[in-house]
Amino acid sequence: MKQVIVVNQALNLPAGKMAAQVAHAAVGAFLHADREHQVGWLEAGMPKIVLRCASAEDLLALAQAAEDAGLATMLVRDAGRTVVEAGTATCVGIGPGPVADVDALTSTLKLVR
């Protein structure tokens, strides 16, 4: 079991803001997962990785592909109180889900730097 959070790198979010958005995506996707995947992920030590994509368009396409694949998905849209406008898609949480299923959508993405 694995969870991946993908950040919209085009936003150049400050580190603290990115951390908060990633946390929203991780928790939200976990809550959308079925019980079997939740338990399996917790028992596996909650493995997760934070990756990046180039644009909002890429992020939205990835979120749709994850939903279409039946994976737990949480697209985070910011409330707009600090850094970005309300409704801006900042990141997407995918999983927890089977490693092969998550990797099928995310294996070509690079780590957040």
PDB file of N, CA and C in Angstrom:
ATOM      1  N   MET A   1       0.838  -1.181   0.000  1.00  0.00           N
ATOM      2  CA  MET A   1       0.000   0.000   0.000  1.00  0.00           C
ATOM      3  C   MET A   1       0.881   1.240   0.000  1.00  0.00           C
ATOM      4  N   LYS A   2       0.339   2.301  -0.616  1.00  0.00           N
ATOM      5  CA  LYS A   2       1.124   3.514  -0.792  1.00  0.00           C
ATOM      6  C   LYS A   2       0.183   4.696  -0.994  1.00  0.00           C
ATOM      7  N   GLN A   3       0.677   5.860  -0.630  1.00  0.00           N
ATOM      8  CA  GLN A   3      -0.024   7.099  -0.918  1.00  0.00           C
ATOM      9  C   GLN A   3       0.961   8.048  -1.596  1.00  0.00           C
ATOM     10  N   VAL A   4       0.478   8.787  -2.587  1.00  0.00           N
ATOM     11  CA  VAL A   4       1.283   9.791  -3.268  1.00  0.00           C
ATOM     12  C   VAL A   4       0.523  11.107  -3.218  1.00  0.00           C
ATOM     13  N   ILE A   5       1.256  12.178  -2.941  1.00  0.00           N
ATOM     14  CA  ILE A   5       0.687  13.517  -3.014  1.00  0.00           C
ATOM     15  C   ILE A   5       1.459  14.244  -4.106  1.00  0.00           C
ATOM     16  N   VAL A   6       0.734  14.839  -5.047  1.00  0.00           N
ATOM     17  CA  VAL A   6       1.353  15.543  -6.162  1.00  0.00           C
ATOM     18  C   VAL A   6       1.034  17.026  -6.026  1.00  0.00           C
ATOM     19  N   VAL A   7       2.083  17.844  -6.075  1.00  0.00           N
ATOM     20  CA  VAL A   7       1.979  19.289  -5.888  1.00  0.00           C
ATOM     21  C   VAL A   7       2.072  19.992  -7.235  1.00  0.00           C
ATOM     22  N   ASN A   8       1.260  21.022  -7.417  1.00  0.00           N
ATOM     23  CA  ASN A   8       1.327  21.876  -8.602  1.00  0.00           C
ATOM     24  C   ASN A   8       2.547  22.782  -8.448  1.00  0.00           C
ATOM     25  N   GLN A   9       3.651  22.387  -9.069  1.00  0.00           N
ATOM     26  CA  GLN A   9       4.915  23.094  -8.923  1.00  0.00           C
ATOM     27  C   GLN A   9       4.871  24.504  -9.495  1.00  0.00           C
ATOM     28  N   ALA A  10       3.985  24.770 -10.437  1.00  0.00           N
ATOM     29  CA  ALA A  10       3.911  26.090 -11.059  1.00  0.00           C
ATOM     30  C   ALA A  10       3.554  27.177 -10.061  1.00  0.00           C
ATOM     31  N   LEU A  11       2.952  26.802  -8.939  1.00  0.00           N
ATOM     32  CA  LEU A  11       2.547  27.800  -7.947  1.00  0.00           C
ATOM     33  C   LEU A  11       3.710  28.315  -7.112  1.00  0.00           C
ATOM     34  N   ASN A  12       4.813  27.583  -7.079  1.00  0.00           N
ATOM     35  CA  ASN A  12       5.972  27.986  -6.261  1.00  0.00           C
ATOM     36  C   ASN A  12       5.557  28.344  -4.839  1.00  0.00           C
ATOM     37  N   LEU A  13       4.817  27.455  -4.212  1.00  0.00           N
ATOM     38  CA  LEU A  13       4.321  27.704  -2.853  1.00  0.00           C
ATOM     39  C   LEU A  13       5.472  27.777  -1.856  1.00  0.00           C
ATOM     40  N   PRO A  14       5.363  28.686  -0.870  1.00  0.00           N
ATOM     41  CA  PRO A  14       6.337  28.683   0.218  1.00  0.00           C
ATOM     42  C   PRO A  14       6.273  27.340   0.951  1.00  0.00           C
ATOM     43  N   ALA A  15       7.371  26.953   1.582  1.00  0.00           N
ATOM     44  CA  ALA A  15       7.467  25.633   2.207  1.00  0.00           C
ATOM     45  C   ALA A  15       6.343  25.362   3.194  1.00  0.00           C
ATOM     46  N   GLY A  16       6.014  26.309   4.034  1.00  0.00           N
ATOM     47  CA  GLY A  16       4.954  26.098   5.026  1.00  0.00           C
ATOM     48  C   GLY A  16       3.589  25.915   4.385  1.00  0.00           C
ATOM     49  N   LYS A  17       3.309  26.710   3.365  1.00  0.00           N
ATOM     50  CA  LYS A  17       2.037  26.595   2.663  1.00  0.00           C
ATOM     51  C   LYS A  17       1.948  25.246   1.958  1.00  0.00           C
ATOM     52  N   MET A  18       3.063  24.837   1.310  1.00  0.00           N
ATOM     53  CA  MET A  18       3.061  23.544   0.633  1.00  0.00           C
ATOM     54  C   MET A  18       2.830  22.417   1.637  1.00  0.00           C
ATOM     55  N   ALA A  19       3.477  22.496   2.785  1.00  0.00           N
ATOM     56  CA  ALA A  19       3.311  21.454   3.803  1.00  0.00           C
ATOM     57  C   ALA A  19       1.858  21.352   4.238  1.00  0.00           C
ATOM     58  N   ALA A  20       1.199  22.478   4.430  1.00  0.00           N
ATOM     59  CA  ALA A  20      -0.206  22.461   4.840  1.00  0.00           C
ATOM     60  C   ALA A  20      -1.091  21.854   3.755  1.00  0.00           C
ATOM     61  N   GLN A  21      -0.841  22.201   2.506  1.00  0.00           N
ATOM     62  CA  GLN A  21      -1.642  21.678   1.403  1.00  0.00           C
ATOM     63  C   GLN A  21      -1.430  20.174   1.238  1.00  0.00           C
ATOM     64  N   VAL A  22      -0.187  19.733   1.384  1.00  0.00           N
ATOM     65  CA  VAL A  22       0.119  18.303   1.301  1.00  0.00           C
ATOM     66  C   VAL A  22      -0.593  17.557   2.422  1.00  0.00           C
ATOM     67  N   ALA A  23      -0.607  18.143   3.614  1.00  0.00           N
ATOM     68  CA  ALA A  23      -1.304  17.504   4.737  1.00  0.00           C
ATOM     69  C   ALA A  23      -2.797  17.383   4.451  1.00  0.00           C
ATOM     70  N   HIS A  24      -3.401  18.430   3.892  1.00  0.00           N
ATOM     71  CA  HIS A  24      -4.823  18.362   3.521  1.00  0.00           C
ATOM     72  C   HIS A  24      -5.063  17.203   2.554  1.00  0.00           C
ATOM     73  N   ALA A  25      -4.202  17.079   1.551  1.00  0.00           N
ATOM     74  CA  ALA A  25      -4.366  16.034   0.539  1.00  0.00           C
ATOM     75  C   ALA A  25      -4.189  14.645   1.140  1.00  0.00           C
ATOM     76  N   ALA A  26      -3.197  14.489   2.009  1.00  0.00           N
ATOM     77  CA  ALA A  26      -2.933  13.181   2.612  1.00  0.00           C
ATOM     78  C   ALA A  26      -4.099  12.722   3.474  1.00  0.00           C
ATOM     79  N   VAL A  27      -4.578  13.607   4.330  1.00  0.00           N
ATOM     80  CA  VAL A  27      -5.689  13.245   5.218  1.00  0.00           C
ATOM     81  C   VAL A  27      -6.964  13.029   4.407  1.00  0.00           C
ATOM     82  N   GLY A  28      -7.241  13.925   3.479  1.00  0.00           N
ATOM     83  CA  GLY A  28      -8.461  13.809   2.684  1.00  0.00           C
ATOM     84  C   GLY A  28      -8.515  12.541   1.864  1.00  0.00           C
ATOM     85  N   ALA A  29      -7.407  12.194   1.214  1.00  0.00           N
ATOM     86  CA  ALA A  29      -7.379  10.967   0.411  1.00  0.00           C
ATOM     87  C   ALA A  29      -7.535   9.744   1.306  1.00  0.00           C
ATOM     88  N   PHE A  30      -6.899   9.764   2.474  1.00  0.00           N
ATOM     89  CA  PHE A  30      -7.049   8.654   3.420  1.00  0.00           C
ATOM     90  C   PHE A  30      -8.521   8.467   3.792  1.00  0.00           C
ATOM     91  N   LEU A  31      -9.205   9.551   4.056  1.00  0.00           N
ATOM     92  CA  LEU A  31     -10.621   9.464   4.444  1.00  0.00           C
ATOM     93  C   LEU A  31     -11.513   8.983   3.303  1.00  0.00           C
ATOM     94  N   HIS A  32     -11.073   9.185   2.056  1.00  0.00           N
ATOM     95  CA  HIS A  32     -11.839   8.707   0.896  1.00  0.00           C
ATOM     96  C   HIS A  32     -11.546   7.244   0.548  1.00  0.00           C
ATOM     97  N   ALA A  33     -10.506   6.687   1.145  1.00  0.00           N
ATOM     98  CA  ALA A  33     -10.139   5.294   0.848  1.00  0.00           C
ATOM     99  C   ALA A  33     -11.100   4.333   1.529  1.00  0.00           C
ATOM    100  N   ASP A  34     -11.226   3.137   0.948  1.00  0.00           N
ATOM    101  CA  ASP A  34     -12.054   2.136   1.611  1.00  0.00           C
ATOM    102  C   ASP A  34     -11.320   1.602   2.837  1.00  0.00           C
ATOM    103  N   ARG A  35     -12.060   0.992   3.721  1.00  0.00           N
ATOM    104  CA  ARG A  35     -11.520   0.555   5.013  1.00  0.00           C
ATOM    105  C   ARG A  35     -10.339  -0.412   4.845  1.00  0.00           C
ATOM    106  N   GLU A  36     -10.434  -1.318   3.897  1.00  0.00           N
ATOM    107  CA  GLU A  36      -9.362  -2.285   3.665  1.00  0.00           C
ATOM    108  C   GLU A  36      -8.051  -1.580   3.323  1.00  0.00           C
ATOM    109  N   HIS A  37      -8.127  -0.574   2.455  1.00  0.00           N
ATOM    110  CA  HIS A  37      -6.927   0.161   2.068  1.00  0.00           C
ATOM    111  C   HIS A  37      -6.411   1.024   3.217  1.00  0.00           C
ATOM    112  N   GLN A  38      -7.320   1.592   3.997  1.00  0.00           N
ATOM    113  CA  GLN A  38      -6.898   2.370   5.166  1.00  0.00           C
ATOM    114  C   GLN A  38      -6.101   1.502   6.129  1.00  0.00           C
ATOM    115  N   VAL A  39      -6.660   0.354   6.481  1.00  0.00           N
ATOM    116  CA  VAL A  39      -6.007  -0.540   7.437  1.00  0.00           C
ATOM    117  C   VAL A  39      -4.680  -1.060   6.888  1.00  0.00           C
ATOM    118  N   GLY A  40      -4.676  -1.477   5.628  1.00  0.00           N
ATOM    119  CA  GLY A  40      -3.447  -1.986   5.020  1.00  0.00           C
ATOM    120  C   GLY A  40      -2.350  -0.939   4.994  1.00  0.00           C
ATOM    121  N   TRP A  41      -2.715   0.289   4.714  1.00  0.00           N
ATOM    122  CA  TRP A  41      -1.745   1.383   4.662  1.00  0.00           C
ATOM    123  C   TRP A  41      -1.201   1.699   6.048  1.00  0.00           C
ATOM    124  N   LEU A  42      -2.079   1.740   7.027  1.00  0.00           N
ATOM    125  CA  LEU A  42      -1.636   1.978   8.407  1.00  0.00           C
ATOM    126  C   LEU A  42      -0.689   0.873   8.869  1.00  0.00           C
ATOM    127  N   GLU A  43      -1.040  -0.360   8.569  1.00  0.00           N
ATOM    128  CA  GLU A  43      -0.195  -1.494   8.969  1.00  0.00           C
ATOM    129  C   GLU A  43       1.146  -1.501   8.244  1.00  0.00           C
ATOM    130  N   ALA A  44       1.192  -0.924   7.048  1.00  0.00           N
ATOM    131  CA  ALA A  44       2.436  -0.863   6.274  1.00  0.00           C
ATOM    132  C   ALA A  44       3.332   0.295   6.715  1.00  0.00           C
ATOM    133  N   GLY A  45       2.884   1.088   7.663  1.00  0.00           N
ATOM    134  CA  GLY A  45       3.682   2.214   8.142  1.00  0.00           C
ATOM    135  C   GLY A  45       3.372   3.535   7.471  1.00  0.00           C
ATOM    136  N   MET A  46       2.230   3.615   6.799  1.00  0.00           N
ATOM    137  CA  MET A  46       1.758   4.822   6.121  1.00  0.00           C
ATOM    138  C   MET A  46       2.741   5.354   5.072  1.00  0.00           C
ATOM    139  N   PRO A  47       3.245   4.502   4.171  1.00  0.00           N
ATOM    140  CA  PRO A  47       4.205   4.986   3.174  1.00  0.00           C
ATOM    141  C   PRO A  47       3.568   6.023   2.247  1.00  0.00           C
ATOM    142  N   LYS A  48       4.299   7.094   2.068  1.00  0.00           N
ATOM    143  CA  LYS A  48       3.835   8.168   1.187  1.00  0.00           C
ATOM    144  C   LYS A  48       5.031   8.851   0.553  1.00  0.00           C
ATOM    145  N   ILE A  49       4.780   9.512  -0.563  1.00  0.00           N
ATOM    146  CA  ILE A  49       5.825  10.239  -1.270  1.00  0.00           C
ATOM    147  C   ILE A  49       5.181  11.498  -1.838  1.00  0.00           C
ATOM    148  N   VAL A  50       5.947  12.582  -1.903  1.00  0.00           N
ATOM    149  CA  VAL A  50       5.441  13.851  -2.427  1.00  0.00           C
ATOM    150  C   VAL A  50       6.172  14.141  -3.731  1.00  0.00           C
ATOM    151  N   LEU A  51       5.394  14.243  -4.783  1.00  0.00           N
ATOM    152  CA  LEU A  51       5.901  14.450  -6.133  1.00  0.00           C
ATOM    153  C   LEU A  51       5.390  15.779  -6.668  1.00  0.00           C
ATOM    154  N   ARG A  52       5.841  16.140  -7.865  1.00  0.00           N
ATOM    155  CA  ARG A  52       5.423  17.406  -8.464  1.00  0.00           C
ATOM    156  C   ARG A  52       4.971  17.201  -9.902  1.00  0.00           C
ATOM    157  N   CYS A  53       4.081  18.089 -10.307  1.00  0.00           N
ATOM    158  CA  CYS A  53       3.699  18.171 -11.715  1.00  0.00           C
ATOM    159  C   CYS A  53       3.887  19.611 -12.154  1.00  0.00           C
ATOM    160  N   ALA A  54       3.858  19.850 -13.453  1.00  0.00           N
ATOM    161  CA  ALA A  54       4.243  21.145 -13.996  1.00  0.00           C
ATOM    162  C   ALA A  54       3.167  22.217 -13.938  1.00  0.00           C
ATOM    163  N   SER A  55       1.892  21.826 -13.914  1.00  0.00           N
ATOM    164  CA  SER A  55       0.842  22.832 -14.074  1.00  0.00           C
ATOM    165  C   SER A  55      -0.468  22.391 -13.446  1.00  0.00           C
ATOM    166  N   ALA A  56      -1.386  23.340 -13.364  1.00  0.00           N
ATOM    167  CA  ALA A  56      -2.732  23.037 -12.875  1.00  0.00           C
ATOM    168  C   ALA A  56      -3.424  22.049 -13.805  1.00  0.00           C
ATOM    169  N   GLU A  57      -3.210  22.199 -15.100  1.00  0.00           N
ATOM    170  CA  GLU A  57      -3.824  21.290 -16.065  1.00  0.00           C
ATOM    171  C   GLU A  57      -3.350  19.858 -15.836  1.00  0.00           C
ATOM    172  N   ASP A  58      -2.050  19.695 -15.607  1.00  0.00           N
ATOM    173  CA  ASP A  58      -1.505  18.365 -15.329  1.00  0.00           C
ATOM    174  C   ASP A  58      -2.089  17.797 -14.038  1.00  0.00           C
ATOM    175  N   LEU A  59      -2.218  18.650 -13.022  1.00  0.00           N
ATOM    176  CA  LEU A  59      -2.752  18.212 -11.735  1.00  0.00           C
ATOM    177  C   LEU A  59      -4.194  17.742 -11.875  1.00  0.00           C
ATOM    178  N   LEU A  60      -5.013  18.525 -12.583  1.00  0.00           N
ATOM    179  CA  LEU A  60      -6.422  18.169 -12.767  1.00  0.00           C
ATOM    180  C   LEU A  60      -6.567  16.878 -13.580  1.00  0.00           C
ATOM    181  N   ALA A  61      -5.735  16.718 -14.592  1.00  0.00           N
ATOM    182  CA  ALA A  61      -5.775  15.489 -15.400  1.00  0.00           C
ATOM    183  C   ALA A  61      -5.385  14.282 -14.554  1.00  0.00           C
ATOM    184  N   LEU A  62      -4.395  14.441 -13.705  1.00  0.00           N
ATOM    185  CA  LEU A  62      -3.969  13.358 -12.829  1.00  0.00           C
ATOM    186  C   LEU A  62      -5.059  13.000 -11.830  1.00  0.00           C
ATOM    187  N   ALA A  63      -5.698  14.005 -11.262  1.00  0.00           N
ATOM    188  CA  ALA A  63      -6.788  13.754 -10.313  1.00  0.00           C
ATOM    189  C   ALA A  63      -7.915  12.981 -10.991  1.00  0.00           C
ATOM    190  N   GLN A  64      -8.252  13.355 -12.206  1.00  0.00           N
ATOM    191  CA  GLN A  64      -9.306  12.653 -12.935  1.00  0.00           C
ATOM    192  C   GLN A  64      -8.899  11.222 -13.253  1.00  0.00           C
ATOM    193  N   ALA A  65      -7.652  11.036 -13.658  1.00  0.00           N
ATOM    194  CA  ALA A  65      -7.169   9.685 -13.965  1.00  0.00           C
ATOM    195  C   ALA A  65      -7.206   8.801 -12.719  1.00  0.00           C
ATOM    196  N   ALA A  66      -6.860   9.358 -11.571  1.00  0.00           N
ATOM    197  CA  ALA A  66      -6.890   8.594 -10.323  1.00  0.00           C
ATOM    198  C   ALA A  66      -8.318   8.199  -9.964  1.00  0.00           C
ATOM    199  N   GLU A  67      -9.238   9.141 -10.105  1.00  0.00           N
ATOM    200  CA  GLU A  67     -10.649   8.828  -9.847  1.00  0.00           C
ATOM    201  C   GLU A  67     -11.143   7.756 -10.813  1.00  0.00           C
ATOM    202  N   ASP A  68     -10.805   7.913 -12.094  1.00  0.00           N
ATOM    203  CA  ASP A  68     -11.231   6.942 -13.102  1.00  0.00           C
ATOM    204  C   ASP A  68     -10.682   5.546 -12.813  1.00  0.00           C
ATOM    205  N   ALA A  69      -9.502   5.491 -12.193  1.00  0.00           N
ATOM    206  CA  ALA A  69      -8.879   4.210 -11.853  1.00  0.00           C
ATOM    207  C   ALA A  69      -9.439   3.624 -10.557  1.00  0.00           C
ATOM    208  N   GLY A  70     -10.343   4.354  -9.913  1.00  0.00           N
ATOM    209  CA  GLY A  70     -10.955   3.864  -8.684  1.00  0.00           C
ATOM    210  C   GLY A  70     -10.102   4.046  -7.438  1.00  0.00           C
ATOM    211  N   LEU A  71      -9.091   4.917  -7.524  1.00  0.00           N
ATOM    212  CA  LEU A  71      -8.233   5.170  -6.368  1.00  0.00           C
ATOM    213  C   LEU A  71      -8.822   6.276  -5.495  1.00  0.00           C
ATOM    214  N   ALA A  72      -8.573   6.188  -4.200  1.00  0.00           N
ATOM    215  CA  ALA A  72      -8.955   7.267  -3.297  1.00  0.00           C
ATOM    216  C   ALA A  72      -8.230   8.527  -3.764  1.00  0.00           C
ATOM    217  N   THR A  73      -8.976   9.613  -3.903  1.00  0.00           N
ATOM    218  CA  THR A  73      -8.410  10.839  -4.461  1.00  0.00           C
ATOM    219  C   THR A  73      -8.936  12.044  -3.696  1.00  0.00           C
ATOM    220  N   MET A  74      -8.029  13.002  -3.434  1.00  0.00           N
ATOM    221  CA  MET A  74      -8.426  14.251  -2.799  1.00  0.00           C
ATOM    222  C   MET A  74      -7.727  15.392  -3.517  1.00  0.00           C
ATOM    223  N   LEU A  75      -8.490  16.131  -4.323  1.00  0.00           N
ATOM    224  CA  LEU A  75      -7.972  17.316  -4.984  1.00  0.00           C
ATOM    225  C   LEU A  75      -8.149  18.483  -4.022  1.00  0.00           C
ATOM    226  N   VAL A  76      -7.057  19.137  -3.679  1.00  0.00           N
ATOM    227  CA  VAL A  76      -7.106  20.253  -2.729  1.00  0.00           C
ATOM    228  C   VAL A  76      -7.209  21.555  -3.499  1.00  0.00           C
ATOM    229  N   ARG A  77      -8.212  22.328  -3.140  1.00  0.00           N
ATOM    230  CA  ARG A  77      -8.387  23.684  -3.685  1.00  0.00           C
ATOM    231  C   ARG A  77      -8.288  24.639  -2.502  1.00  0.00           C
ATOM    232  N   ASP A  78      -7.409  25.605  -2.619  1.00  0.00           N
ATOM    233  CA  ASP A  78      -7.111  26.499  -1.510  1.00  0.00           C
ATOM    234  C   ASP A  78      -8.278  27.421  -1.182  1.00  0.00           C
ATOM    235  N   ALA A  79      -8.369  27.777   0.087  1.00  0.00           N
ATOM    236  CA  ALA A  79      -9.419  28.682   0.552  1.00  0.00           C
ATOM    237  C   ALA A  79      -9.140  30.134   0.172  1.00  0.00           C
ATOM    238  N   GLY A  80      -7.912  30.453  -0.193  1.00  0.00           N
ATOM    239  CA  GLY A  80      -7.584  31.790  -0.681  1.00  0.00           C
ATOM    240  C   GLY A  80      -7.325  32.826   0.397  1.00  0.00           C
ATOM    241  N   ARG A  81      -6.977  32.396   1.587  1.00  0.00           N
ATOM    242  CA  ARG A  81      -6.766  33.356   2.679  1.00  0.00           C
ATOM    243  C   ARG A  81      -5.353  33.928   2.737  1.00  0.00           C
ATOM    244  N   THR A  82      -4.400  33.295   2.055  1.00  0.00           N
ATOM    245  CA  THR A  82      -3.019  33.762   2.206  1.00  0.00           C
ATOM    246  C   THR A  82      -2.286  33.934   0.881  1.00  0.00           C
ATOM    247  N   VAL A  83      -1.846  32.858   0.268  1.00  0.00           N
ATOM    248  CA  VAL A  83      -0.875  32.928  -0.824  1.00  0.00           C
ATOM    249  C   VAL A  83      -1.488  32.917  -2.219  1.00  0.00           C
ATOM    250  N   VAL A  84      -2.500  32.112  -2.436  1.00  0.00           N
ATOM    251  CA  VAL A  84      -3.091  31.972  -3.771  1.00  0.00           C
ATOM    252  C   VAL A  84      -4.585  32.312  -3.721  1.00  0.00           C
ATOM    253  N   GLU A  85      -5.163  32.500  -4.885  1.00  0.00           N
ATOM    254  CA  GLU A  85      -6.586  32.823  -4.972  1.00  0.00           C
ATOM    255  C   GLU A  85      -7.453  31.643  -4.546  1.00  0.00           C
ATOM    256  N   ALA A  86      -8.620  31.956  -4.010  1.00  0.00           N
ATOM    257  CA  ALA A  86      -9.572  30.923  -3.618  1.00  0.00           C
ATOM    258  C   ALA A  86      -9.889  30.029  -4.814  1.00  0.00           C
ATOM    259  N   GLY A  87      -9.915  28.731  -4.541  1.00  0.00           N
ATOM    260  CA  GLY A  87     -10.238  27.761  -5.575  1.00  0.00           C
ATOM    261  C   GLY A  87      -9.053  27.235  -6.356  1.00  0.00           C
ATOM    262  N   THR A  88      -7.861  27.776  -6.114  1.00  0.00           N
ATOM    263  CA  THR A  88      -6.668  27.317  -6.819  1.00  0.00           C
ATOM    264  C   THR A  88      -6.361  25.869  -6.446  1.00  0.00           C
ATOM    265  N   ALA A  89      -6.193  25.015  -7.452  1.00  0.00           N
ATOM    266  CA  ALA A  89      -5.830  23.615  -7.217  1.00  0.00           C
ATOM    267  C   ALA A  89      -4.346  23.563  -6.873  1.00  0.00           C
ATOM    268  N   THR A  90      -4.049  23.148  -5.636  1.00  0.00           N
ATOM    269  CA  THR A  90      -2.662  23.145  -5.165  1.00  0.00           C
ATOM    270  C   THR A  90      -2.013  21.768  -5.235  1.00  0.00           C
ATOM    271  N   CYS A  91      -2.765  20.729  -4.918  1.00  0.00           N
ATOM    272  CA  CYS A  91      -2.198  19.377  -4.925  1.00  0.00           C
ATOM    273  C   CYS A  91      -3.317  18.343  -4.941  1.00  0.00           C
ATOM    274  N   VAL A  92      -2.900  17.104  -5.168  1.00  0.00           N
ATOM    275  CA  VAL A  92      -3.847  15.995  -5.142  1.00  0.00           C
ATOM    276  C   VAL A  92      -3.232  14.844  -4.368  1.00  0.00           C
ATOM    277  N   GLY A  93      -4.020  14.262  -3.483  1.00  0.00           N
ATOM    278  CA  GLY A  93      -3.626  13.048  -2.778  1.00  0.00           C
ATOM    279  C   GLY A  93      -4.213  11.855  -3.508  1.00  0.00           C
ATOM    280  N   ILE A  94      -3.401  10.844  -3.719  1.00  0.00           N
ATOM    281  CA  ILE A  94      -3.829   9.619  -4.389  1.00  0.00           C
ATOM    282  C   ILE A  94      -3.483   8.436  -3.489  1.00  0.00           C
ATOM    283  N   GLY A  95      -4.480   7.668  -3.140  1.00  0.00           N
ATOM    284  CA  GLY A  95      -4.292   6.536  -2.242  1.00  0.00           C
ATOM    285  C   GLY A  95      -4.537   6.954  -0.805  1.00  0.00           C
ATOM    286  N   PRO A  96      -4.458   6.007   0.079  1.00  0.00           N
ATOM    287  CA  PRO A  96      -3.730   4.769  -0.035  1.00  0.00           C
ATOM    288  C   PRO A  96      -4.401   3.776  -0.993  1.00  0.00           C
ATOM    289  N   GLY A  97      -3.523   3.087  -1.700  1.00  0.00           N
ATOM    290  CA  GLY A  97      -3.959   2.067  -2.623  1.00  0.00           C
ATOM    291  C   GLY A  97      -2.809   1.138  -2.933  1.00  0.00           C
ATOM    292  N   PRO A  98      -3.075   0.091  -3.689  1.00  0.00           N
ATOM    293  CA  PRO A  98      -2.010  -0.833  -4.063  1.00  0.00           C
ATOM    294  C   PRO A  98      -0.882  -0.105  -4.805  1.00  0.00           C
ATOM    295  N   VAL A  99       0.340  -0.434  -4.470  1.00  0.00           N
ATOM    296  CA  VAL A  99       1.508   0.236  -5.045  1.00  0.00           C
ATOM    297  C   VAL A  99       1.443   0.249  -6.570  1.00  0.00           C
ATOM    298  N   ALA A 100       1.148  -0.865  -7.190  1.00  0.00           N
ATOM    299  CA  ALA A 100       1.128  -0.946  -8.653  1.00  0.00           C
ATOM    300  C   ALA A 100       0.089  -0.003  -9.253  1.00  0.00           C
ATOM    301  N   ASP A 101      -1.055   0.126  -8.608  1.00  0.00           N
ATOM    302  CA  ASP A 101      -2.112   0.998  -9.119  1.00  0.00           C
ATOM    303  C   ASP A 101      -1.721   2.470  -9.011  1.00  0.00           C
ATOM    304  N   VAL A 102      -1.129   2.841  -7.884  1.00  0.00           N
ATOM    305  CA  VAL A 102      -0.698   4.230  -7.680  1.00  0.00           C
ATOM    306  C   VAL A 102       0.466   4.549  -8.615  1.00  0.00           C
ATOM    307  N   ASP A 103       1.430   3.639  -8.700  1.00  0.00           N
ATOM    308  CA  ASP A 103       2.596   3.861  -9.560  1.00  0.00           C
ATOM    309  C   ASP A 103       2.222   3.943 -11.035  1.00  0.00           C
ATOM    310  N   ALA A 104       1.172   3.267 -11.439  1.00  0.00           N
ATOM    311  CA  ALA A 104       0.744   3.312 -12.848  1.00  0.00           C
ATOM    312  C   ALA A 104       0.434   4.742 -13.286  1.00  0.00           C
ATOM    313  N   LEU A 105       0.033   5.575 -12.335  1.00  0.00           N
ATOM    314  CA  LEU A 105      -0.311   6.973 -12.658  1.00  0.00           C
ATOM    315  C   LEU A 105       0.801   7.960 -12.324  1.00  0.00           C
ATOM    316  N   THR A 106       1.703   7.595 -11.426  1.00  0.00           N
ATOM    317  CA  THR A 106       2.628   8.597 -10.886  1.00  0.00           C
ATOM    318  C   THR A 106       4.110   8.294 -11.062  1.00  0.00           C
ATOM    319  N   SER A 107       4.450   7.144 -11.613  1.00  0.00           N
ATOM    320  CA  SER A 107       5.852   6.718 -11.637  1.00  0.00           C
ATOM    321  C   SER A 107       6.764   7.620 -12.476  1.00  0.00           C
ATOM    322  N   THR A 108       6.224   8.403 -13.380  1.00  0.00           N
ATOM    323  CA  THR A 108       7.067   9.268 -14.206  1.00  0.00           C
ATOM    324  C   THR A 108       7.278  10.647 -13.581  1.00  0.00           C
ATOM    325  N   LEU A 109       6.578  10.934 -12.492  1.00  0.00           N
ATOM    326  CA  LEU A 109       6.710  12.254 -11.855  1.00  0.00           C
ATOM    327  C   LEU A 109       7.963  12.314 -10.991  1.00  0.00           C
ATOM    328  N   LYS A 110       8.464  13.515 -10.786  1.00  0.00           N
ATOM    329  CA  LYS A 110       9.685  13.721 -10.002  1.00  0.00           C
ATOM    330  C   LYS A 110       9.345  14.196  -8.590  1.00  0.00           C
ATOM    331  N   LEU A 111      10.304  13.967  -7.679  1.00  0.00           N
ATOM    332  CA  LEU A 111      10.141  14.408  -6.295  1.00  0.00           C
ATOM    333  C   LEU A 111      10.060  15.927  -6.214  1.00  0.00           C
ATOM    334  N   VAL A 112       9.333  16.417  -5.215  1.00  0.00           N
ATOM    335  CA  VAL A 112       9.317  17.851  -4.929  1.00  0.00           C
ATOM    336  C   VAL A 112      10.714  18.241  -4.497  1.00  0.00           C
ATOM    337  N   ARG A 113      11.161  19.373  -4.974  1.00  0.00           N
ATOM    338  CA  ARG A 113      12.495  19.830  -4.574  1.00  0.00           C
ATOM    339  C   ARG A 113      12.427  21.120  -3.825  1.00  0.00           C
TER     340      ARG A 113
END
